Amino acid sequence: MTEKPEIDAPEGPAPTDLEITDITVGDGDQAVNGKQVAVHYVGVTHSTGEEFDASYGRGAPLEFPLGVGMVIKGWEQGIEGMRVGGRRKLVIPPHLAYGERGAGGVIGPNETLIFVCDLVAVK
């Protein structure tokens, strides 16, 4: 299994658009809409840099069909085009994340989220 990434505390203002940065470009199958993908991830809030969720602690990646609205829009757009073995950093503004409502008391209203995602499989 890939090692859990560390995310540095963000500096400066949060971006207003989705930022996608390839940390490692994979060479396996490509994530495209309609395929089932498996993604290991760590998520932190932009405002505090505190981790709010990570699949690594559960020992299994998150699996979902890409392009059908099962995950936040920033993930739909940010995971598409990745290849298995790749690692990507996504900085997701509120309108592509949980917006004004936040999520489950863990993510505040209008919070920008930062994820580092490892694409484990495409089925």
PDB file of N, CA and C in Angstrom:
ATOM      1  N   MET A   1       0.846  -1.199   0.000  1.00  0.00           N
ATOM      2  CA  MET A   1       0.000   0.000   0.000  1.00  0.00           C
ATOM      3  C   MET A   1       0.881   1.248   0.000  1.00  0.00           C
ATOM      4  N   THR A   2       0.404   2.260  -0.637  1.00  0.00           N
ATOM      5  CA  THR A   2       1.103   3.535  -0.690  1.00  0.00           C
ATOM      6  C   THR A   2       1.088   4.167   0.696  1.00  0.00           C
ATOM      7  N   GLU A   3       2.154   4.862   1.007  1.00  0.00           N
ATOM      8  CA  GLU A   3       2.248   5.522   2.310  1.00  0.00           C
ATOM      9  C   GLU A   3       1.317   6.719   2.382  1.00  0.00           C
ATOM     10  N   LYS A   4       0.735   6.919   3.560  1.00  0.00           N
ATOM     11  CA  LYS A   4      -0.173   8.052   3.757  1.00  0.00           C
ATOM     12  C   LYS A   4       0.591   9.360   3.558  1.00  0.00           C
ATOM     13  N   PRO A   5       0.055  10.240   2.722  1.00  0.00           N
ATOM     14  CA  PRO A   5       0.740  11.515   2.480  1.00  0.00           C
ATOM     15  C   PRO A   5       0.565  12.486   3.640  1.00  0.00           C
ATOM     16  N   GLU A   6       1.532  13.366   3.774  1.00  0.00           N
ATOM     17  CA  GLU A   6       1.422  14.480   4.712  1.00  0.00           C
ATOM     18  C   GLU A   6       1.052  15.710   3.898  1.00  0.00           C
ATOM     19  N   ILE A   7       0.143  16.519   4.433  1.00  0.00           N
ATOM     20  CA  ILE A   7      -0.245  17.741   3.742  1.00  0.00           C
ATOM     21  C   ILE A   7       0.237  18.920   4.561  1.00  0.00           C
ATOM     22  N   ASP A   8       1.051  19.763   3.941  1.00  0.00           N
ATOM     23  CA  ASP A   8       1.554  20.953   4.627  1.00  0.00           C
ATOM     24  C   ASP A   8       0.414  21.943   4.845  1.00  0.00           C
ATOM     25  N   ALA A   9       0.472  22.672   5.939  1.00  0.00           N
ATOM     26  CA  ALA A   9      -0.539  23.694   6.214  1.00  0.00           C
ATOM     27  C   ALA A   9      -0.528  24.714   5.080  1.00  0.00           C
ATOM     28  N   PRO A  10      -1.705  25.067   4.594  1.00  0.00           N
ATOM     29  CA  PRO A  10      -1.769  26.000   3.471  1.00  0.00           C
ATOM     30  C   PRO A  10      -1.345  27.413   3.871  1.00  0.00           C
ATOM     31  N   GLU A  11      -0.828  28.138   2.910  1.00  0.00           N
ATOM     32  CA  GLU A  11      -0.452  29.534   3.122  1.00  0.00           C
ATOM     33  C   GLU A  11      -1.202  30.394   2.123  1.00  0.00           C
ATOM     34  N   GLY A  12      -1.507  31.614   2.513  1.00  0.00           N
ATOM     35  CA  GLY A  12      -2.159  32.548   1.608  1.00  0.00           C
ATOM     36  C   GLY A  12      -3.655  32.282   1.510  1.00  0.00           C
ATOM     37  N   PRO A  13      -4.325  33.084   0.689  1.00  0.00           N
ATOM     38  CA  PRO A  13      -5.776  32.958   0.570  1.00  0.00           C
ATOM     39  C   PRO A  13      -6.179  31.684  -0.162  1.00  0.00           C
ATOM     40  N   ALA A  14      -7.364  31.213   0.134  1.00  0.00           N
ATOM     41  CA  ALA A  14      -7.881  30.026  -0.545  1.00  0.00           C
ATOM     42  C   ALA A  14      -8.207  30.371  -1.991  1.00  0.00           C
ATOM     43  N   PRO A  15      -7.957  29.452  -2.921  1.00  0.00           N
ATOM     44  CA  PRO A  15      -8.283  29.713  -4.316  1.00  0.00           C
ATOM     45  C   PRO A  15      -9.802  29.702  -4.534  1.00  0.00           C
ATOM     46  N   THR A  16     -10.246  30.358  -5.582  1.00  0.00           N
ATOM     47  CA  THR A  16     -11.671  30.365  -5.907  1.00  0.00           C
ATOM     48  C   THR A  16     -12.009  29.317  -6.958  1.00  0.00           C
ATOM     49  N   ASP A  17     -11.002  28.739  -7.595  1.00  0.00           N
ATOM     50  CA  ASP A  17     -11.214  27.691  -8.586  1.00  0.00           C
ATOM     51  C   ASP A  17     -10.498  26.422  -8.145  1.00  0.00           C
ATOM     52  N   LEU A  18     -10.941  25.302  -8.681  1.00  0.00           N
ATOM     53  CA  LEU A  18     -10.315  24.017  -8.401  1.00  0.00           C
ATOM     54  C   LEU A  18      -8.862  24.047  -8.855  1.00  0.00           C
ATOM     55  N   GLU A  19      -7.956  23.636  -7.964  1.00  0.00           N
ATOM     56  CA  GLU A  19      -6.537  23.522  -8.311  1.00  0.00           C
ATOM     57  C   GLU A  19      -6.168  22.055  -8.293  1.00  0.00           C
ATOM     58  N   ILE A  20      -5.595  21.583  -9.397  1.00  0.00           N
ATOM     59  CA  ILE A  20      -5.187  20.183  -9.533  1.00  0.00           C
ATOM     60  C   ILE A  20      -3.682  20.162  -9.758  1.00  0.00           C
ATOM     61  N   THR A  21      -2.963  19.447  -8.887  1.00  0.00           N
ATOM     62  CA  THR A  21      -1.514  19.343  -9.018  1.00  0.00           C
ATOM     63  C   THR A  21      -1.136  17.870  -9.002  1.00  0.00           C
ATOM     64  N   ASP A  22      -0.505  17.401 -10.070  1.00  0.00           N
ATOM     65  CA  ASP A  22      -0.014  16.025 -10.086  1.00  0.00           C
ATOM     66  C   ASP A  22       1.283  15.963  -9.292  1.00  0.00           C
ATOM     67  N   ILE A  23       1.287  15.136  -8.244  1.00  0.00           N
ATOM     68  CA  ILE A  23       2.491  14.914  -7.447  1.00  0.00           C
ATOM     69  C   ILE A  23       3.278  13.766  -8.084  1.00  0.00           C
ATOM     70  N   THR A  24       2.552  12.705  -8.440  1.00  0.00           N
ATOM     71  CA  THR A  24       3.107  11.572  -9.166  1.00  0.00           C
ATOM     72  C   THR A  24       2.136  11.245 -10.284  1.00  0.00           C
ATOM     73  N   VAL A  25       2.644  11.094 -11.494  1.00  0.00           N
ATOM     74  CA  VAL A  25       1.781  10.702 -12.613  1.00  0.00           C
ATOM     75  C   VAL A  25       1.825   9.185 -12.716  1.00  0.00           C
ATOM     76  N   GLY A  26       0.649   8.572 -12.644  1.00  0.00           N
ATOM     77  CA  GLY A  26       0.580   7.116 -12.743  1.00  0.00           C
ATOM     78  C   GLY A  26       0.701   6.649 -14.175  1.00  0.00           C
ATOM     79  N   ASP A  27       0.901   5.332 -14.346  1.00  0.00           N
ATOM     80  CA  ASP A  27       0.998   4.778 -15.700  1.00  0.00           C
ATOM     81  C   ASP A  27       0.003   3.647 -15.910  1.00  0.00           C
ATOM     82  N   GLY A  28      -0.958   3.515 -15.005  1.00  0.00           N
ATOM     83  CA  GLY A  28      -1.962   2.457 -15.129  1.00  0.00           C
ATOM     84  C   GLY A  28      -3.204   2.942 -15.856  1.00  0.00           C
ATOM     85  N   ASP A  29      -4.311   2.216 -15.631  1.00  0.00           N
ATOM     86  CA  ASP A  29      -5.577   2.561 -16.271  1.00  0.00           C
ATOM     87  C   ASP A  29      -6.008   3.976 -15.888  1.00  0.00           C
ATOM     88  N   GLN A  30      -6.734   4.622 -16.796  1.00  0.00           N
ATOM     89  CA  GLN A  30      -7.165   6.001 -16.590  1.00  0.00           C
ATOM     90  C   GLN A  30      -8.560   6.059 -15.978  1.00  0.00           C
ATOM     91  N   ALA A  31      -8.742   7.002 -15.031  1.00  0.00           N
ATOM     92  CA  ALA A  31     -10.050   7.240 -14.416  1.00  0.00           C
ATOM     93  C   ALA A  31     -10.903   8.048 -15.387  1.00  0.00           C
ATOM     94  N   VAL A  32     -11.991   7.446 -15.848  1.00  0.00           N
ATOM     95  CA  VAL A  32     -12.912   8.131 -16.748  1.00  0.00           C
ATOM     96  C   VAL A  32     -14.332   7.951 -16.218  1.00  0.00           C
ATOM     97  N   ASN A  33     -15.196   8.885 -16.586  1.00  0.00           N
ATOM     98  CA  ASN A  33     -16.582   8.822 -16.143  1.00  0.00           C
ATOM     99  C   ASN A  33     -17.202   7.482 -16.523  1.00  0.00           C
ATOM    100  N   GLY A  34     -17.961   6.917 -15.576  1.00  0.00           N
ATOM    101  CA  GLY A  34     -18.618   5.642 -15.802  1.00  0.00           C
ATOM    102  C   GLY A  34     -17.847   4.459 -15.253  1.00  0.00           C
ATOM    103  N   LYS A  35     -16.567   4.656 -14.922  1.00  0.00           N
ATOM    104  CA  LYS A  35     -15.766   3.576 -14.354  1.00  0.00           C
ATOM    105  C   LYS A  35     -15.811   3.635 -12.825  1.00  0.00           C
ATOM    106  N   GLN A  36     -15.655   2.475 -12.196  1.00  0.00           N
ATOM    107  CA  GLN A  36     -15.540   2.396 -10.747  1.00  0.00           C
ATOM    108  C   GLN A  36     -14.078   2.674 -10.404  1.00  0.00           C
ATOM    109  N   VAL A  37     -13.846   3.630  -9.497  1.00  0.00           N
ATOM    110  CA  VAL A  37     -12.475   3.954  -9.106  1.00  0.00           C
ATOM    111  C   VAL A  37     -12.286   3.690  -7.618  1.00  0.00           C
ATOM    112  N   ALA A  38     -11.056   3.414  -7.238  1.00  0.00           N
ATOM    113  CA  ALA A  38     -10.692   3.231  -5.829  1.00  0.00           C
ATOM    114  C   ALA A  38      -9.611   4.255  -5.511  1.00  0.00           C
ATOM    115  N   VAL A  39      -9.878   5.082  -4.490  1.00  0.00           N
ATOM    116  CA  VAL A  39      -9.010   6.210  -4.177  1.00  0.00           C
ATOM    117  C   VAL A  39      -8.674   6.210  -2.684  1.00  0.00           C
ATOM    118  N   HIS A  40      -7.386   6.217  -2.377  1.00  0.00           N
ATOM    119  CA  HIS A  40      -6.941   6.471  -1.004  1.00  0.00           C
ATOM    120  C   HIS A  40      -6.719   7.972  -0.899  1.00  0.00           C
ATOM    121  N   TYR A  41      -7.061   8.552   0.253  1.00  0.00           N
ATOM    122  CA  TYR A  41      -6.976  10.010   0.345  1.00  0.00           C
ATOM    123  C   TYR A  41      -6.765  10.468   1.779  1.00  0.00           C
ATOM    124  N   VAL A  42      -6.280  11.709   1.876  1.00  0.00           N
ATOM    125  CA  VAL A  42      -6.228  12.459   3.125  1.00  0.00           C
ATOM    126  C   VAL A  42      -6.840  13.814   2.814  1.00  0.00           C
ATOM    127  N   GLY A  43      -7.710  14.300   3.710  1.00  0.00           N
ATOM    128  CA  GLY A  43      -8.322  15.605   3.529  1.00  0.00           C
ATOM    129  C   GLY A  43      -8.064  16.507   4.718  1.00  0.00           C
ATOM    130  N   VAL A  44      -7.708  17.761   4.428  1.00  0.00           N
ATOM    131  CA  VAL A  44      -7.533  18.768   5.481  1.00  0.00           C
ATOM    132  C   VAL A  44      -8.317  20.018   5.083  1.00  0.00           C
ATOM    133  N   THR A  45      -8.689  20.801   6.083  1.00  0.00           N
ATOM    134  CA  THR A  45      -9.358  22.074   5.796  1.00  0.00           C
ATOM    135  C   THR A  45      -8.315  23.136   5.511  1.00  0.00           C
ATOM    136  N   HIS A  46      -8.639  24.036   4.597  1.00  0.00           N
ATOM    137  CA  HIS A  46      -7.713  25.101   4.224  1.00  0.00           C
ATOM    138  C   HIS A  46      -7.538  26.085   5.377  1.00  0.00           C
ATOM    139  N   SER A  47      -8.620  26.336   6.127  1.00  0.00           N
ATOM    140  CA  SER A  47      -8.558  27.368   7.168  1.00  0.00           C
ATOM    141  C   SER A  47      -7.657  26.978   8.335  1.00  0.00           C
ATOM    142  N   THR A  48      -7.596  25.685   8.667  1.00  0.00           N
ATOM    143  CA  THR A  48      -6.815  25.259   9.836  1.00  0.00           C
ATOM    144  C   THR A  48      -5.659  24.332   9.495  1.00  0.00           C
ATOM    145  N   GLY A  49      -5.736  23.672   8.335  1.00  0.00           N
ATOM    146  CA  GLY A  49      -4.733  22.659   8.007  1.00  0.00           C
ATOM    147  C   GLY A  49      -4.932  21.376   8.769  1.00  0.00           C
ATOM    148  N   GLU A  50      -6.050  21.272   9.511  1.00  0.00           N
ATOM    149  CA  GLU A  50      -6.329  20.068  10.312  1.00  0.00           C
ATOM    150  C   GLU A  50      -6.950  18.980   9.448  1.00  0.00           C
ATOM    151  N   GLU A  51      -6.502  17.739   9.663  1.00  0.00           N
ATOM    152  CA  GLU A  51      -7.070  16.601   8.943  1.00  0.00           C
ATOM    153  C   GLU A  51      -8.487  16.341   9.445  1.00  0.00           C
ATOM    154  N   PHE A  52      -9.430  16.173   8.506  1.00  0.00           N
ATOM    155  CA  PHE A  52     -10.800  15.843   8.898  1.00  0.00           C
ATOM    156  C   PHE A  52     -11.207  14.454   8.448  1.00  0.00           C
ATOM    157  N   ASP A  53     -10.471  13.877   7.517  1.00  0.00           N
ATOM    158  CA  ASP A  53     -10.817  12.536   7.064  1.00  0.00           C
ATOM    159  C   ASP A  53      -9.631  11.955   6.315  1.00  0.00           C
ATOM    160  N   ALA A  54      -9.514  10.617   6.384  1.00  0.00           N
ATOM    161  CA  ALA A  54      -8.483   9.911   5.628  1.00  0.00           C
ATOM    162  C   ALA A  54      -8.907   8.454   5.501  1.00  0.00           C
ATOM    163  N   SER A  55      -8.755   7.922   4.298  1.00  0.00           N
ATOM    164  CA  SER A  55      -9.109   6.518   4.079  1.00  0.00           C
ATOM    165  C   SER A  55      -8.044   5.585   4.646  1.00  0.00           C
ATOM    166  N   TYR A  56      -6.828   6.085   4.804  1.00  0.00           N
ATOM    167  CA  TYR A  56      -5.729   5.225   5.243  1.00  0.00           C
ATOM    168  C   TYR A  56      -6.001   4.589   6.602  1.00  0.00           C
ATOM    169  N   GLY A  57      -6.630   5.333   7.508  1.00  0.00           N
ATOM    170  CA  GLY A  57      -6.935   4.804   8.832  1.00  0.00           C
ATOM    171  C   GLY A  57      -7.930   3.661   8.792  1.00  0.00           C
ATOM    172  N   ARG A  58      -8.754   3.617   7.746  1.00  0.00           N
ATOM    173  CA  ARG A  58      -9.738   2.545   7.600  1.00  0.00           C
ATOM    174  C   ARG A  58      -9.159   1.327   6.903  1.00  0.00           C
ATOM    175  N   GLY A  59      -7.976   1.483   6.316  1.00  0.00           N
ATOM    176  CA  GLY A  59      -7.306   0.359   5.675  1.00  0.00           C
ATOM    177  C   GLY A  59      -7.865  -0.022   4.318  1.00  0.00           C
ATOM    178  N   ALA A  60      -8.818   0.765   3.795  1.00  0.00           N
ATOM    179  CA  ALA A  60      -9.372   0.469   2.478  1.00  0.00           C
ATOM    180  C   ALA A  60      -9.642   1.782   1.754  1.00  0.00           C
ATOM    181  N   PRO A  61      -9.390   1.801   0.460  1.00  0.00           N
ATOM    182  CA  PRO A  61      -9.685   3.015  -0.307  1.00  0.00           C
ATOM    183  C   PRO A  61     -11.187   3.222  -0.451  1.00  0.00           C
ATOM    184  N   LEU A  62     -11.574   4.445  -0.773  1.00  0.00           N
ATOM    185  CA  LEU A  62     -12.961   4.760  -1.096  1.00  0.00           C
ATOM    186  C   LEU A  62     -13.206   4.328  -2.531  1.00  0.00           C
ATOM    187  N   GLU A  63     -14.267   3.538  -2.750  1.00  0.00           N
ATOM    188  CA  GLU A  63     -14.617   3.110  -4.101  1.00  0.00           C
ATOM    189  C   GLU A  63     -15.930   3.754  -4.488  1.00  0.00           C
ATOM    190  N   PHE A  64     -15.971   4.294  -5.695  1.00  0.00           N
ATOM    191  CA  PHE A  64     -17.193   4.934  -6.185  1.00  0.00           C
ATOM    192  C   PHE A  64     -17.165   5.001  -7.713  1.00  0.00           C
ATOM    193  N   PRO A  65     -18.353   5.062  -8.327  1.00  0.00           N
ATOM    194  CA  PRO A  65     -18.412   5.248  -9.772  1.00  0.00           C
ATOM    195  C   PRO A  65     -18.181   6.723 -10.100  1.00  0.00           C
ATOM    196  N   LEU A  66     -17.255   6.997 -11.006  1.00  0.00           N
ATOM    197  CA  LEU A  66     -16.910   8.370 -11.357  1.00  0.00           C
ATOM    198  C   LEU A  66     -17.965   8.953 -12.299  1.00  0.00           C
ATOM    199  N   GLY A  67     -18.371  10.186 -12.013  1.00  0.00           N
ATOM    200  CA  GLY A  67     -19.241  10.903 -12.934  1.00  0.00           C
ATOM    201  C   GLY A  67     -20.725  10.765 -12.682  1.00  0.00           C
ATOM    202  N   VAL A  68     -21.108  10.190 -11.534  1.00  0.00           N
ATOM    203  CA  VAL A  68     -22.549  10.031 -11.267  1.00  0.00           C
ATOM    204  C   VAL A  68     -22.995  10.799 -10.020  1.00  0.00           C
ATOM    205  N   GLY A  69     -22.124  11.664  -9.496  1.00  0.00           N
ATOM    206  CA  GLY A  69     -22.524  12.507  -8.384  1.00  0.00           C
ATOM    207  C   GLY A  69     -22.477  11.860  -7.007  1.00  0.00           C
ATOM    208  N   MET A  70     -21.727  10.769  -6.861  1.00  0.00           N
ATOM    209  CA  MET A  70     -21.603  10.099  -5.560  1.00  0.00           C
ATOM    210  C   MET A  70     -20.639  10.831  -4.621  1.00  0.00           C
ATOM    211  N   VAL A  71     -19.774  11.663  -5.183  1.00  0.00           N
ATOM    212  CA  VAL A  71     -18.795  12.413  -4.393  1.00  0.00           C
ATOM    213  C   VAL A  71     -18.908  13.894  -4.766  1.00  0.00           C
ATOM    214  N   ILE A  72     -18.233  14.745  -3.998  1.00  0.00           N
ATOM    215  CA  ILE A  72     -18.292  16.183  -4.274  1.00  0.00           C
ATOM    216  C   ILE A  72     -17.749  16.494  -5.673  1.00  0.00           C
ATOM    217  N   LYS A  73     -18.213  17.601  -6.240  1.00  0.00           N
ATOM    218  CA  LYS A  73     -17.850  17.978  -7.618  1.00  0.00           C
ATOM    219  C   LYS A  73     -16.345  18.140  -7.789  1.00  0.00           C
ATOM    220  N   GLY A  74     -15.669  18.651  -6.763  1.00  0.00           N
ATOM    221  CA  GLY A  74     -14.221  18.818  -6.858  1.00  0.00           C
ATOM    222  C   GLY A  74     -13.498  17.498  -7.057  1.00  0.00           C
ATOM    223  N   TRP A  75     -14.054  16.425  -6.469  1.00  0.00           N
ATOM    224  CA  TRP A  75     -13.480  15.093  -6.687  1.00  0.00           C
ATOM    225  C   TRP A  75     -13.815  14.604  -8.079  1.00  0.00           C
ATOM    226  N   GLU A  76     -15.068  14.780  -8.509  1.00  0.00           N
ATOM    227  CA  GLU A  76     -15.471  14.324  -9.850  1.00  0.00           C
ATOM    228  C   GLU A  76     -14.520  14.914 -10.891  1.00  0.00           C
ATOM    229  N   GLN A  77     -14.259  16.223 -10.776  1.00  0.00           N
ATOM    230  CA  GLN A  77     -13.402  16.901 -11.750  1.00  0.00           C
ATOM    231  C   GLN A  77     -11.927  16.591 -11.523  1.00  0.00           C
ATOM    232  N   GLY A  78     -11.541  16.461 -10.268  1.00  0.00           N
ATOM    233  CA  GLY A  78     -10.124  16.311  -9.939  1.00  0.00           C
ATOM    234  C   GLY A  78      -9.569  14.916 -10.133  1.00  0.00           C
ATOM    235  N   ILE A  79     -10.418  13.891  -9.988  1.00  0.00           N
ATOM    236  CA  ILE A  79      -9.958  12.505 -10.149  1.00  0.00           C
ATOM    237  C   ILE A  79      -9.954  12.096 -11.622  1.00  0.00           C
ATOM    238  N   GLU A  80     -10.893  12.669 -12.384  1.00  0.00           N
ATOM    239  CA  GLU A  80     -10.993  12.309 -13.807  1.00  0.00           C
ATOM    240  C   GLU A  80      -9.667  12.567 -14.507  1.00  0.00           C
ATOM    241  N   GLY A  81      -9.237  11.606 -15.295  1.00  0.00           N
ATOM    242  CA  GLY A  81      -7.989  11.742 -16.047  1.00  0.00           C
ATOM    243  C   GLY A  81      -6.768  11.202 -15.325  1.00  0.00           C
ATOM    244  N   MET A  82      -6.888  10.929 -14.025  1.00  0.00           N
ATOM    245  CA  MET A  82      -5.760  10.325 -13.308  1.00  0.00           C
ATOM    246  C   MET A  82      -5.514   8.916 -13.833  1.00  0.00           C
ATOM    247  N   ARG A  83      -4.301   8.434 -13.637  1.00  0.00           N
ATOM    248  CA  ARG A  83      -3.973   7.049 -13.966  1.00  0.00           C
ATOM    249  C   ARG A  83      -3.596   6.312 -12.684  1.00  0.00           C
ATOM    250  N   VAL A  84      -3.890   5.014 -12.655  1.00  0.00           N
ATOM    251  CA  VAL A  84      -3.566   4.190 -11.491  1.00  0.00           C
ATOM    252  C   VAL A  84      -2.083   4.326 -11.173  1.00  0.00           C
ATOM    253  N   GLY A  85      -1.786   4.495  -9.901  1.00  0.00           N
ATOM    254  CA  GLY A  85      -0.413   4.722  -9.456  1.00  0.00           C
ATOM    255  C   GLY A  85      -0.114   6.199  -9.272  1.00  0.00           C
ATOM    256  N   GLY A  86      -1.045   7.053  -9.681  1.00  0.00           N
ATOM    257  CA  GLY A  86      -0.837   8.490  -9.574  1.00  0.00           C
ATOM    258  C   GLY A  86      -1.245   9.039  -8.222  1.00  0.00           C
ATOM    259  N   ARG A  87      -0.631  10.146  -7.864  1.00  0.00           N
ATOM    260  CA  ARG A  87      -0.988  10.895  -6.644  1.00  0.00           C
ATOM    261  C   ARG A  87      -1.227  12.333  -7.069  1.00  0.00           C
ATOM    262  N   ARG A  88      -2.344  12.891  -6.611  1.00  0.00           N
ATOM    263  CA  ARG A  88      -2.750  14.223  -7.030  1.00  0.00           C
ATOM    264  C   ARG A  88      -3.222  15.018  -5.825  1.00  0.00           C
ATOM    265  N   LYS A  89      -2.848  16.292  -5.803  1.00  0.00           N
ATOM    266  CA  LYS A  89      -3.338  17.217  -4.774  1.00  0.00           C
ATOM    267  C   LYS A  89      -4.475  18.026  -5.377  1.00  0.00           C
ATOM    268  N   LEU A  90      -5.595  18.060  -4.659  1.00  0.00           N
ATOM    269  CA  LEU A  90      -6.764  18.831  -5.081  1.00  0.00           C
ATOM    270  C   LEU A  90      -7.036  19.903  -4.041  1.00  0.00           C
ATOM    271  N   VAL A  91      -7.146  21.146  -4.463  1.00  0.00           N
ATOM    272  CA  VAL A  91      -7.587  22.229  -3.591  1.00  0.00           C
ATOM    273  C   VAL A  91      -8.957  22.623  -4.118  1.00  0.00           C
ATOM    274  N   ILE A  92      -9.972  22.349  -3.291  1.00  0.00           N
ATOM    275  CA  ILE A  92     -11.360  22.418  -3.743  1.00  0.00           C
ATOM    276  C   ILE A  92     -12.093  23.558  -3.047  1.00  0.00           C
ATOM    277  N   PRO A  93     -12.525  24.570  -3.820  1.00  0.00           N
ATOM    278  CA  PRO A  93     -13.271  25.676  -3.220  1.00  0.00           C
ATOM    279  C   PRO A  93     -14.666  25.221  -2.773  1.00  0.00           C
ATOM    280  N   PRO A  94     -15.293  25.991  -1.877  1.00  0.00           N
ATOM    281  CA  PRO A  94     -16.581  25.565  -1.290  1.00  0.00           C
ATOM    282  C   PRO A  94     -17.656  25.205  -2.305  1.00  0.00           C
ATOM    283  N   HIS A  95     -17.743  25.944  -3.422  1.00  0.00           N
ATOM    284  CA  HIS A  95     -18.828  25.666  -4.375  1.00  0.00           C
ATOM    285  C   HIS A  95     -18.663  24.321  -5.081  1.00  0.00           C
ATOM    286  N   LEU A  96     -17.483  23.712  -4.980  1.00  0.00           N
ATOM    287  CA  LEU A  96     -17.259  22.373  -5.536  1.00  0.00           C
ATOM    288  C   LEU A  96     -17.107  21.339  -4.418  1.00  0.00           C
ATOM    289  N   ALA A  97     -17.338  21.787  -3.166  1.00  0.00           N
ATOM    290  CA  ALA A  97     -17.240  20.886  -2.007  1.00  0.00           C
ATOM    291  C   ALA A  97     -18.594  20.860  -1.299  1.00  0.00           C
ATOM    292  N   TYR A  98     -18.641  21.342  -0.053  1.00  0.00           N
ATOM    293  CA  TYR A  98     -19.878  21.255   0.736  1.00  0.00           C
ATOM    294  C   TYR A  98     -20.587  22.596   0.893  1.00  0.00           C
ATOM    295  N   GLY A  99     -20.027  23.658   0.282  1.00  0.00           N
ATOM    296  CA  GLY A  99     -20.701  24.946   0.226  1.00  0.00           C
ATOM    297  C   GLY A  99     -21.055  25.544   1.569  1.00  0.00           C
ATOM    298  N   GLU A 100     -22.187  26.219   1.605  1.00  0.00           N
ATOM    299  CA  GLU A 100     -22.603  26.952   2.802  1.00  0.00           C
ATOM    300  C   GLU A 100     -23.012  26.032   3.943  1.00  0.00           C
ATOM    301  N   ARG A 101     -23.401  24.804   3.619  1.00  0.00           N
ATOM    302  CA  ARG A 101     -23.905  23.920   4.681  1.00  0.00           C
ATOM    303  C   ARG A 101     -22.797  23.202   5.447  1.00  0.00           C
ATOM    304  N   GLY A 102     -21.593  23.118   4.853  1.00  0.00           N
ATOM    305  CA  GLY A 102     -20.535  22.365   5.511  1.00  0.00           C
ATOM    306  C   GLY A 102     -20.896  20.887   5.514  1.00  0.00           C
ATOM    307  N   ALA A 103     -20.257  20.114   6.405  1.00  0.00           N
ATOM    308  CA  ALA A 103     -20.526  18.676   6.443  1.00  0.00           C
ATOM    309  C   ALA A 103     -20.326  18.124   7.842  1.00  0.00           C
ATOM    310  N   GLY A 104     -21.382  17.586   8.386  1.00  0.00           N
ATOM    311  CA  GLY A 104     -21.321  16.772   9.599  1.00  0.00           C
ATOM    312  C   GLY A 104     -20.620  17.379  10.800  1.00  0.00           C
ATOM    313  N   GLY A 105     -20.616  18.699  10.908  1.00  0.00           N
ATOM    314  CA  GLY A 105     -19.960  19.313  12.054  1.00  0.00           C
ATOM    315  C   GLY A 105     -18.448  19.269  11.986  1.00  0.00           C
ATOM    316  N   VAL A 106     -17.910  18.606  10.958  1.00  0.00           N
ATOM    317  CA  VAL A 106     -16.459  18.469  10.820  1.00  0.00           C
ATOM    318  C   VAL A 106     -15.913  19.530   9.873  1.00  0.00           C
ATOM    319  N   ILE A 107     -16.707  19.865   8.860  1.00  0.00           N
ATOM    320  CA  ILE A 107     -16.304  20.845   7.859  1.00  0.00           C
ATOM    321  C   ILE A 107     -17.243  22.039   7.983  1.00  0.00           C
ATOM    322  N   GLY A 108     -16.666  23.204   8.249  1.00  0.00           N
ATOM    323  CA  GLY A 108     -17.468  24.398   8.454  1.00  0.00           C
ATOM    324  C   GLY A 108     -18.061  24.932   7.159  1.00  0.00           C
ATOM    325  N   PRO A 109     -18.988  25.885   7.278  1.00  0.00           N
ATOM    326  CA  PRO A 109     -19.577  26.515   6.098  1.00  0.00           C
ATOM    327  C   PRO A 109     -18.515  27.221   5.255  1.00  0.00           C
ATOM    328  N   ASN A 110     -18.665  27.128   3.947  1.00  0.00           N
ATOM    329  CA  ASN A 110     -17.779  27.811   2.991  1.00  0.00           C
ATOM    330  C   ASN A 110     -16.308  27.486   3.185  1.00  0.00           C
ATOM    331  N   GLU A 111     -16.016  26.234   3.535  1.00  0.00           N
ATOM    332  CA  GLU A 111     -14.634  25.811   3.757  1.00  0.00           C
ATOM    333  C   GLU A 111     -14.019  25.291   2.459  1.00  0.00           C
ATOM    334  N   THR A 112     -12.801  25.724   2.191  1.00  0.00           N
ATOM    335  CA  THR A 112     -12.010  25.172   1.093  1.00  0.00           C
ATOM    336  C   THR A 112     -11.309  23.927   1.628  1.00  0.00           C
ATOM    337  N   LEU A 113     -11.313  22.867   0.823  1.00  0.00           N
ATOM    338  CA  LEU A 113     -10.741  21.586   1.238  1.00  0.00           C
ATOM    339  C   LEU A 113      -9.515  21.244   0.411  1.00  0.00           C
ATOM    340  N   ILE A 114      -8.561  20.589   1.061  1.00  0.00           N
ATOM    341  CA  ILE A 114      -7.360  20.126   0.378  1.00  0.00           C
ATOM    342  C   ILE A 114      -7.284  18.616   0.541  1.00  0.00           C
ATOM    343  N   PHE A 115      -7.176  17.920  -0.573  1.00  0.00           N
ATOM    344  CA  PHE A 115      -7.047  16.465  -0.545  1.00  0.00           C
ATOM    345  C   PHE A 115      -5.779  16.071  -1.282  1.00  0.00           C
ATOM    346  N   VAL A 116      -5.109  15.027  -0.781  1.00  0.00           N
ATOM    347  CA  VAL A 116      -4.105  14.336  -1.577  1.00  0.00           C
ATOM    348  C   VAL A 116      -4.705  12.958  -1.832  1.00  0.00           C
ATOM    349  N   CYS A 117      -4.843  12.626  -3.111  1.00  0.00           N
ATOM    350  CA  CYS A 117      -5.522  11.404  -3.539  1.00  0.00           C
ATOM    351  C   CYS A 117      -4.572  10.494  -4.296  1.00  0.00           C
ATOM    352  N   ASP A 118      -4.613   9.201  -3.958  1.00  0.00           N
ATOM    353  CA  ASP A 118      -3.863   8.177  -4.680  1.00  0.00           C
ATOM    354  C   ASP A 118      -4.862   7.301  -5.418  1.00  0.00           C
ATOM    355  N   LEU A 119      -4.742   7.215  -6.735  1.00  0.00           N
ATOM    356  CA  LEU A 119      -5.636   6.351  -7.497  1.00  0.00           C
ATOM    357  C   LEU A 119      -5.096   4.925  -7.438  1.00  0.00           C
ATOM    358  N   VAL A 120      -5.860   4.050  -6.773  1.00  0.00           N
ATOM    359  CA  VAL A 120      -5.431   2.684  -6.510  1.00  0.00           C
ATOM    360  C   VAL A 120      -5.882   1.726  -7.613  1.00  0.00           C
ATOM    361  N   ALA A 121      -7.114   1.930  -8.117  1.00  0.00           N
ATOM    362  CA  ALA A 121      -7.646   1.010  -9.107  1.00  0.00           C
ATOM    363  C   ALA A 121      -8.732   1.673  -9.941  1.00  0.00           C
ATOM    364  N   VAL A 122      -8.892   1.170 -11.166  1.00  0.00           N
ATOM    365  CA  VAL A 122     -10.011   1.532 -12.036  1.00  0.00           C
ATOM    366  C   VAL A 122     -10.604   0.215 -12.506  1.00  0.00           C
ATOM    367  N   LYS A 123     -11.922   0.064 -12.325  1.00  0.00           N
ATOM    368  CA  LYS A 123     -12.553  -1.212 -12.682  1.00  0.00           C
ATOM    369  C   LYS A 123     -13.620  -1.002 -13.735  1.00  0.00           C
TER     370      LYS A 123
END
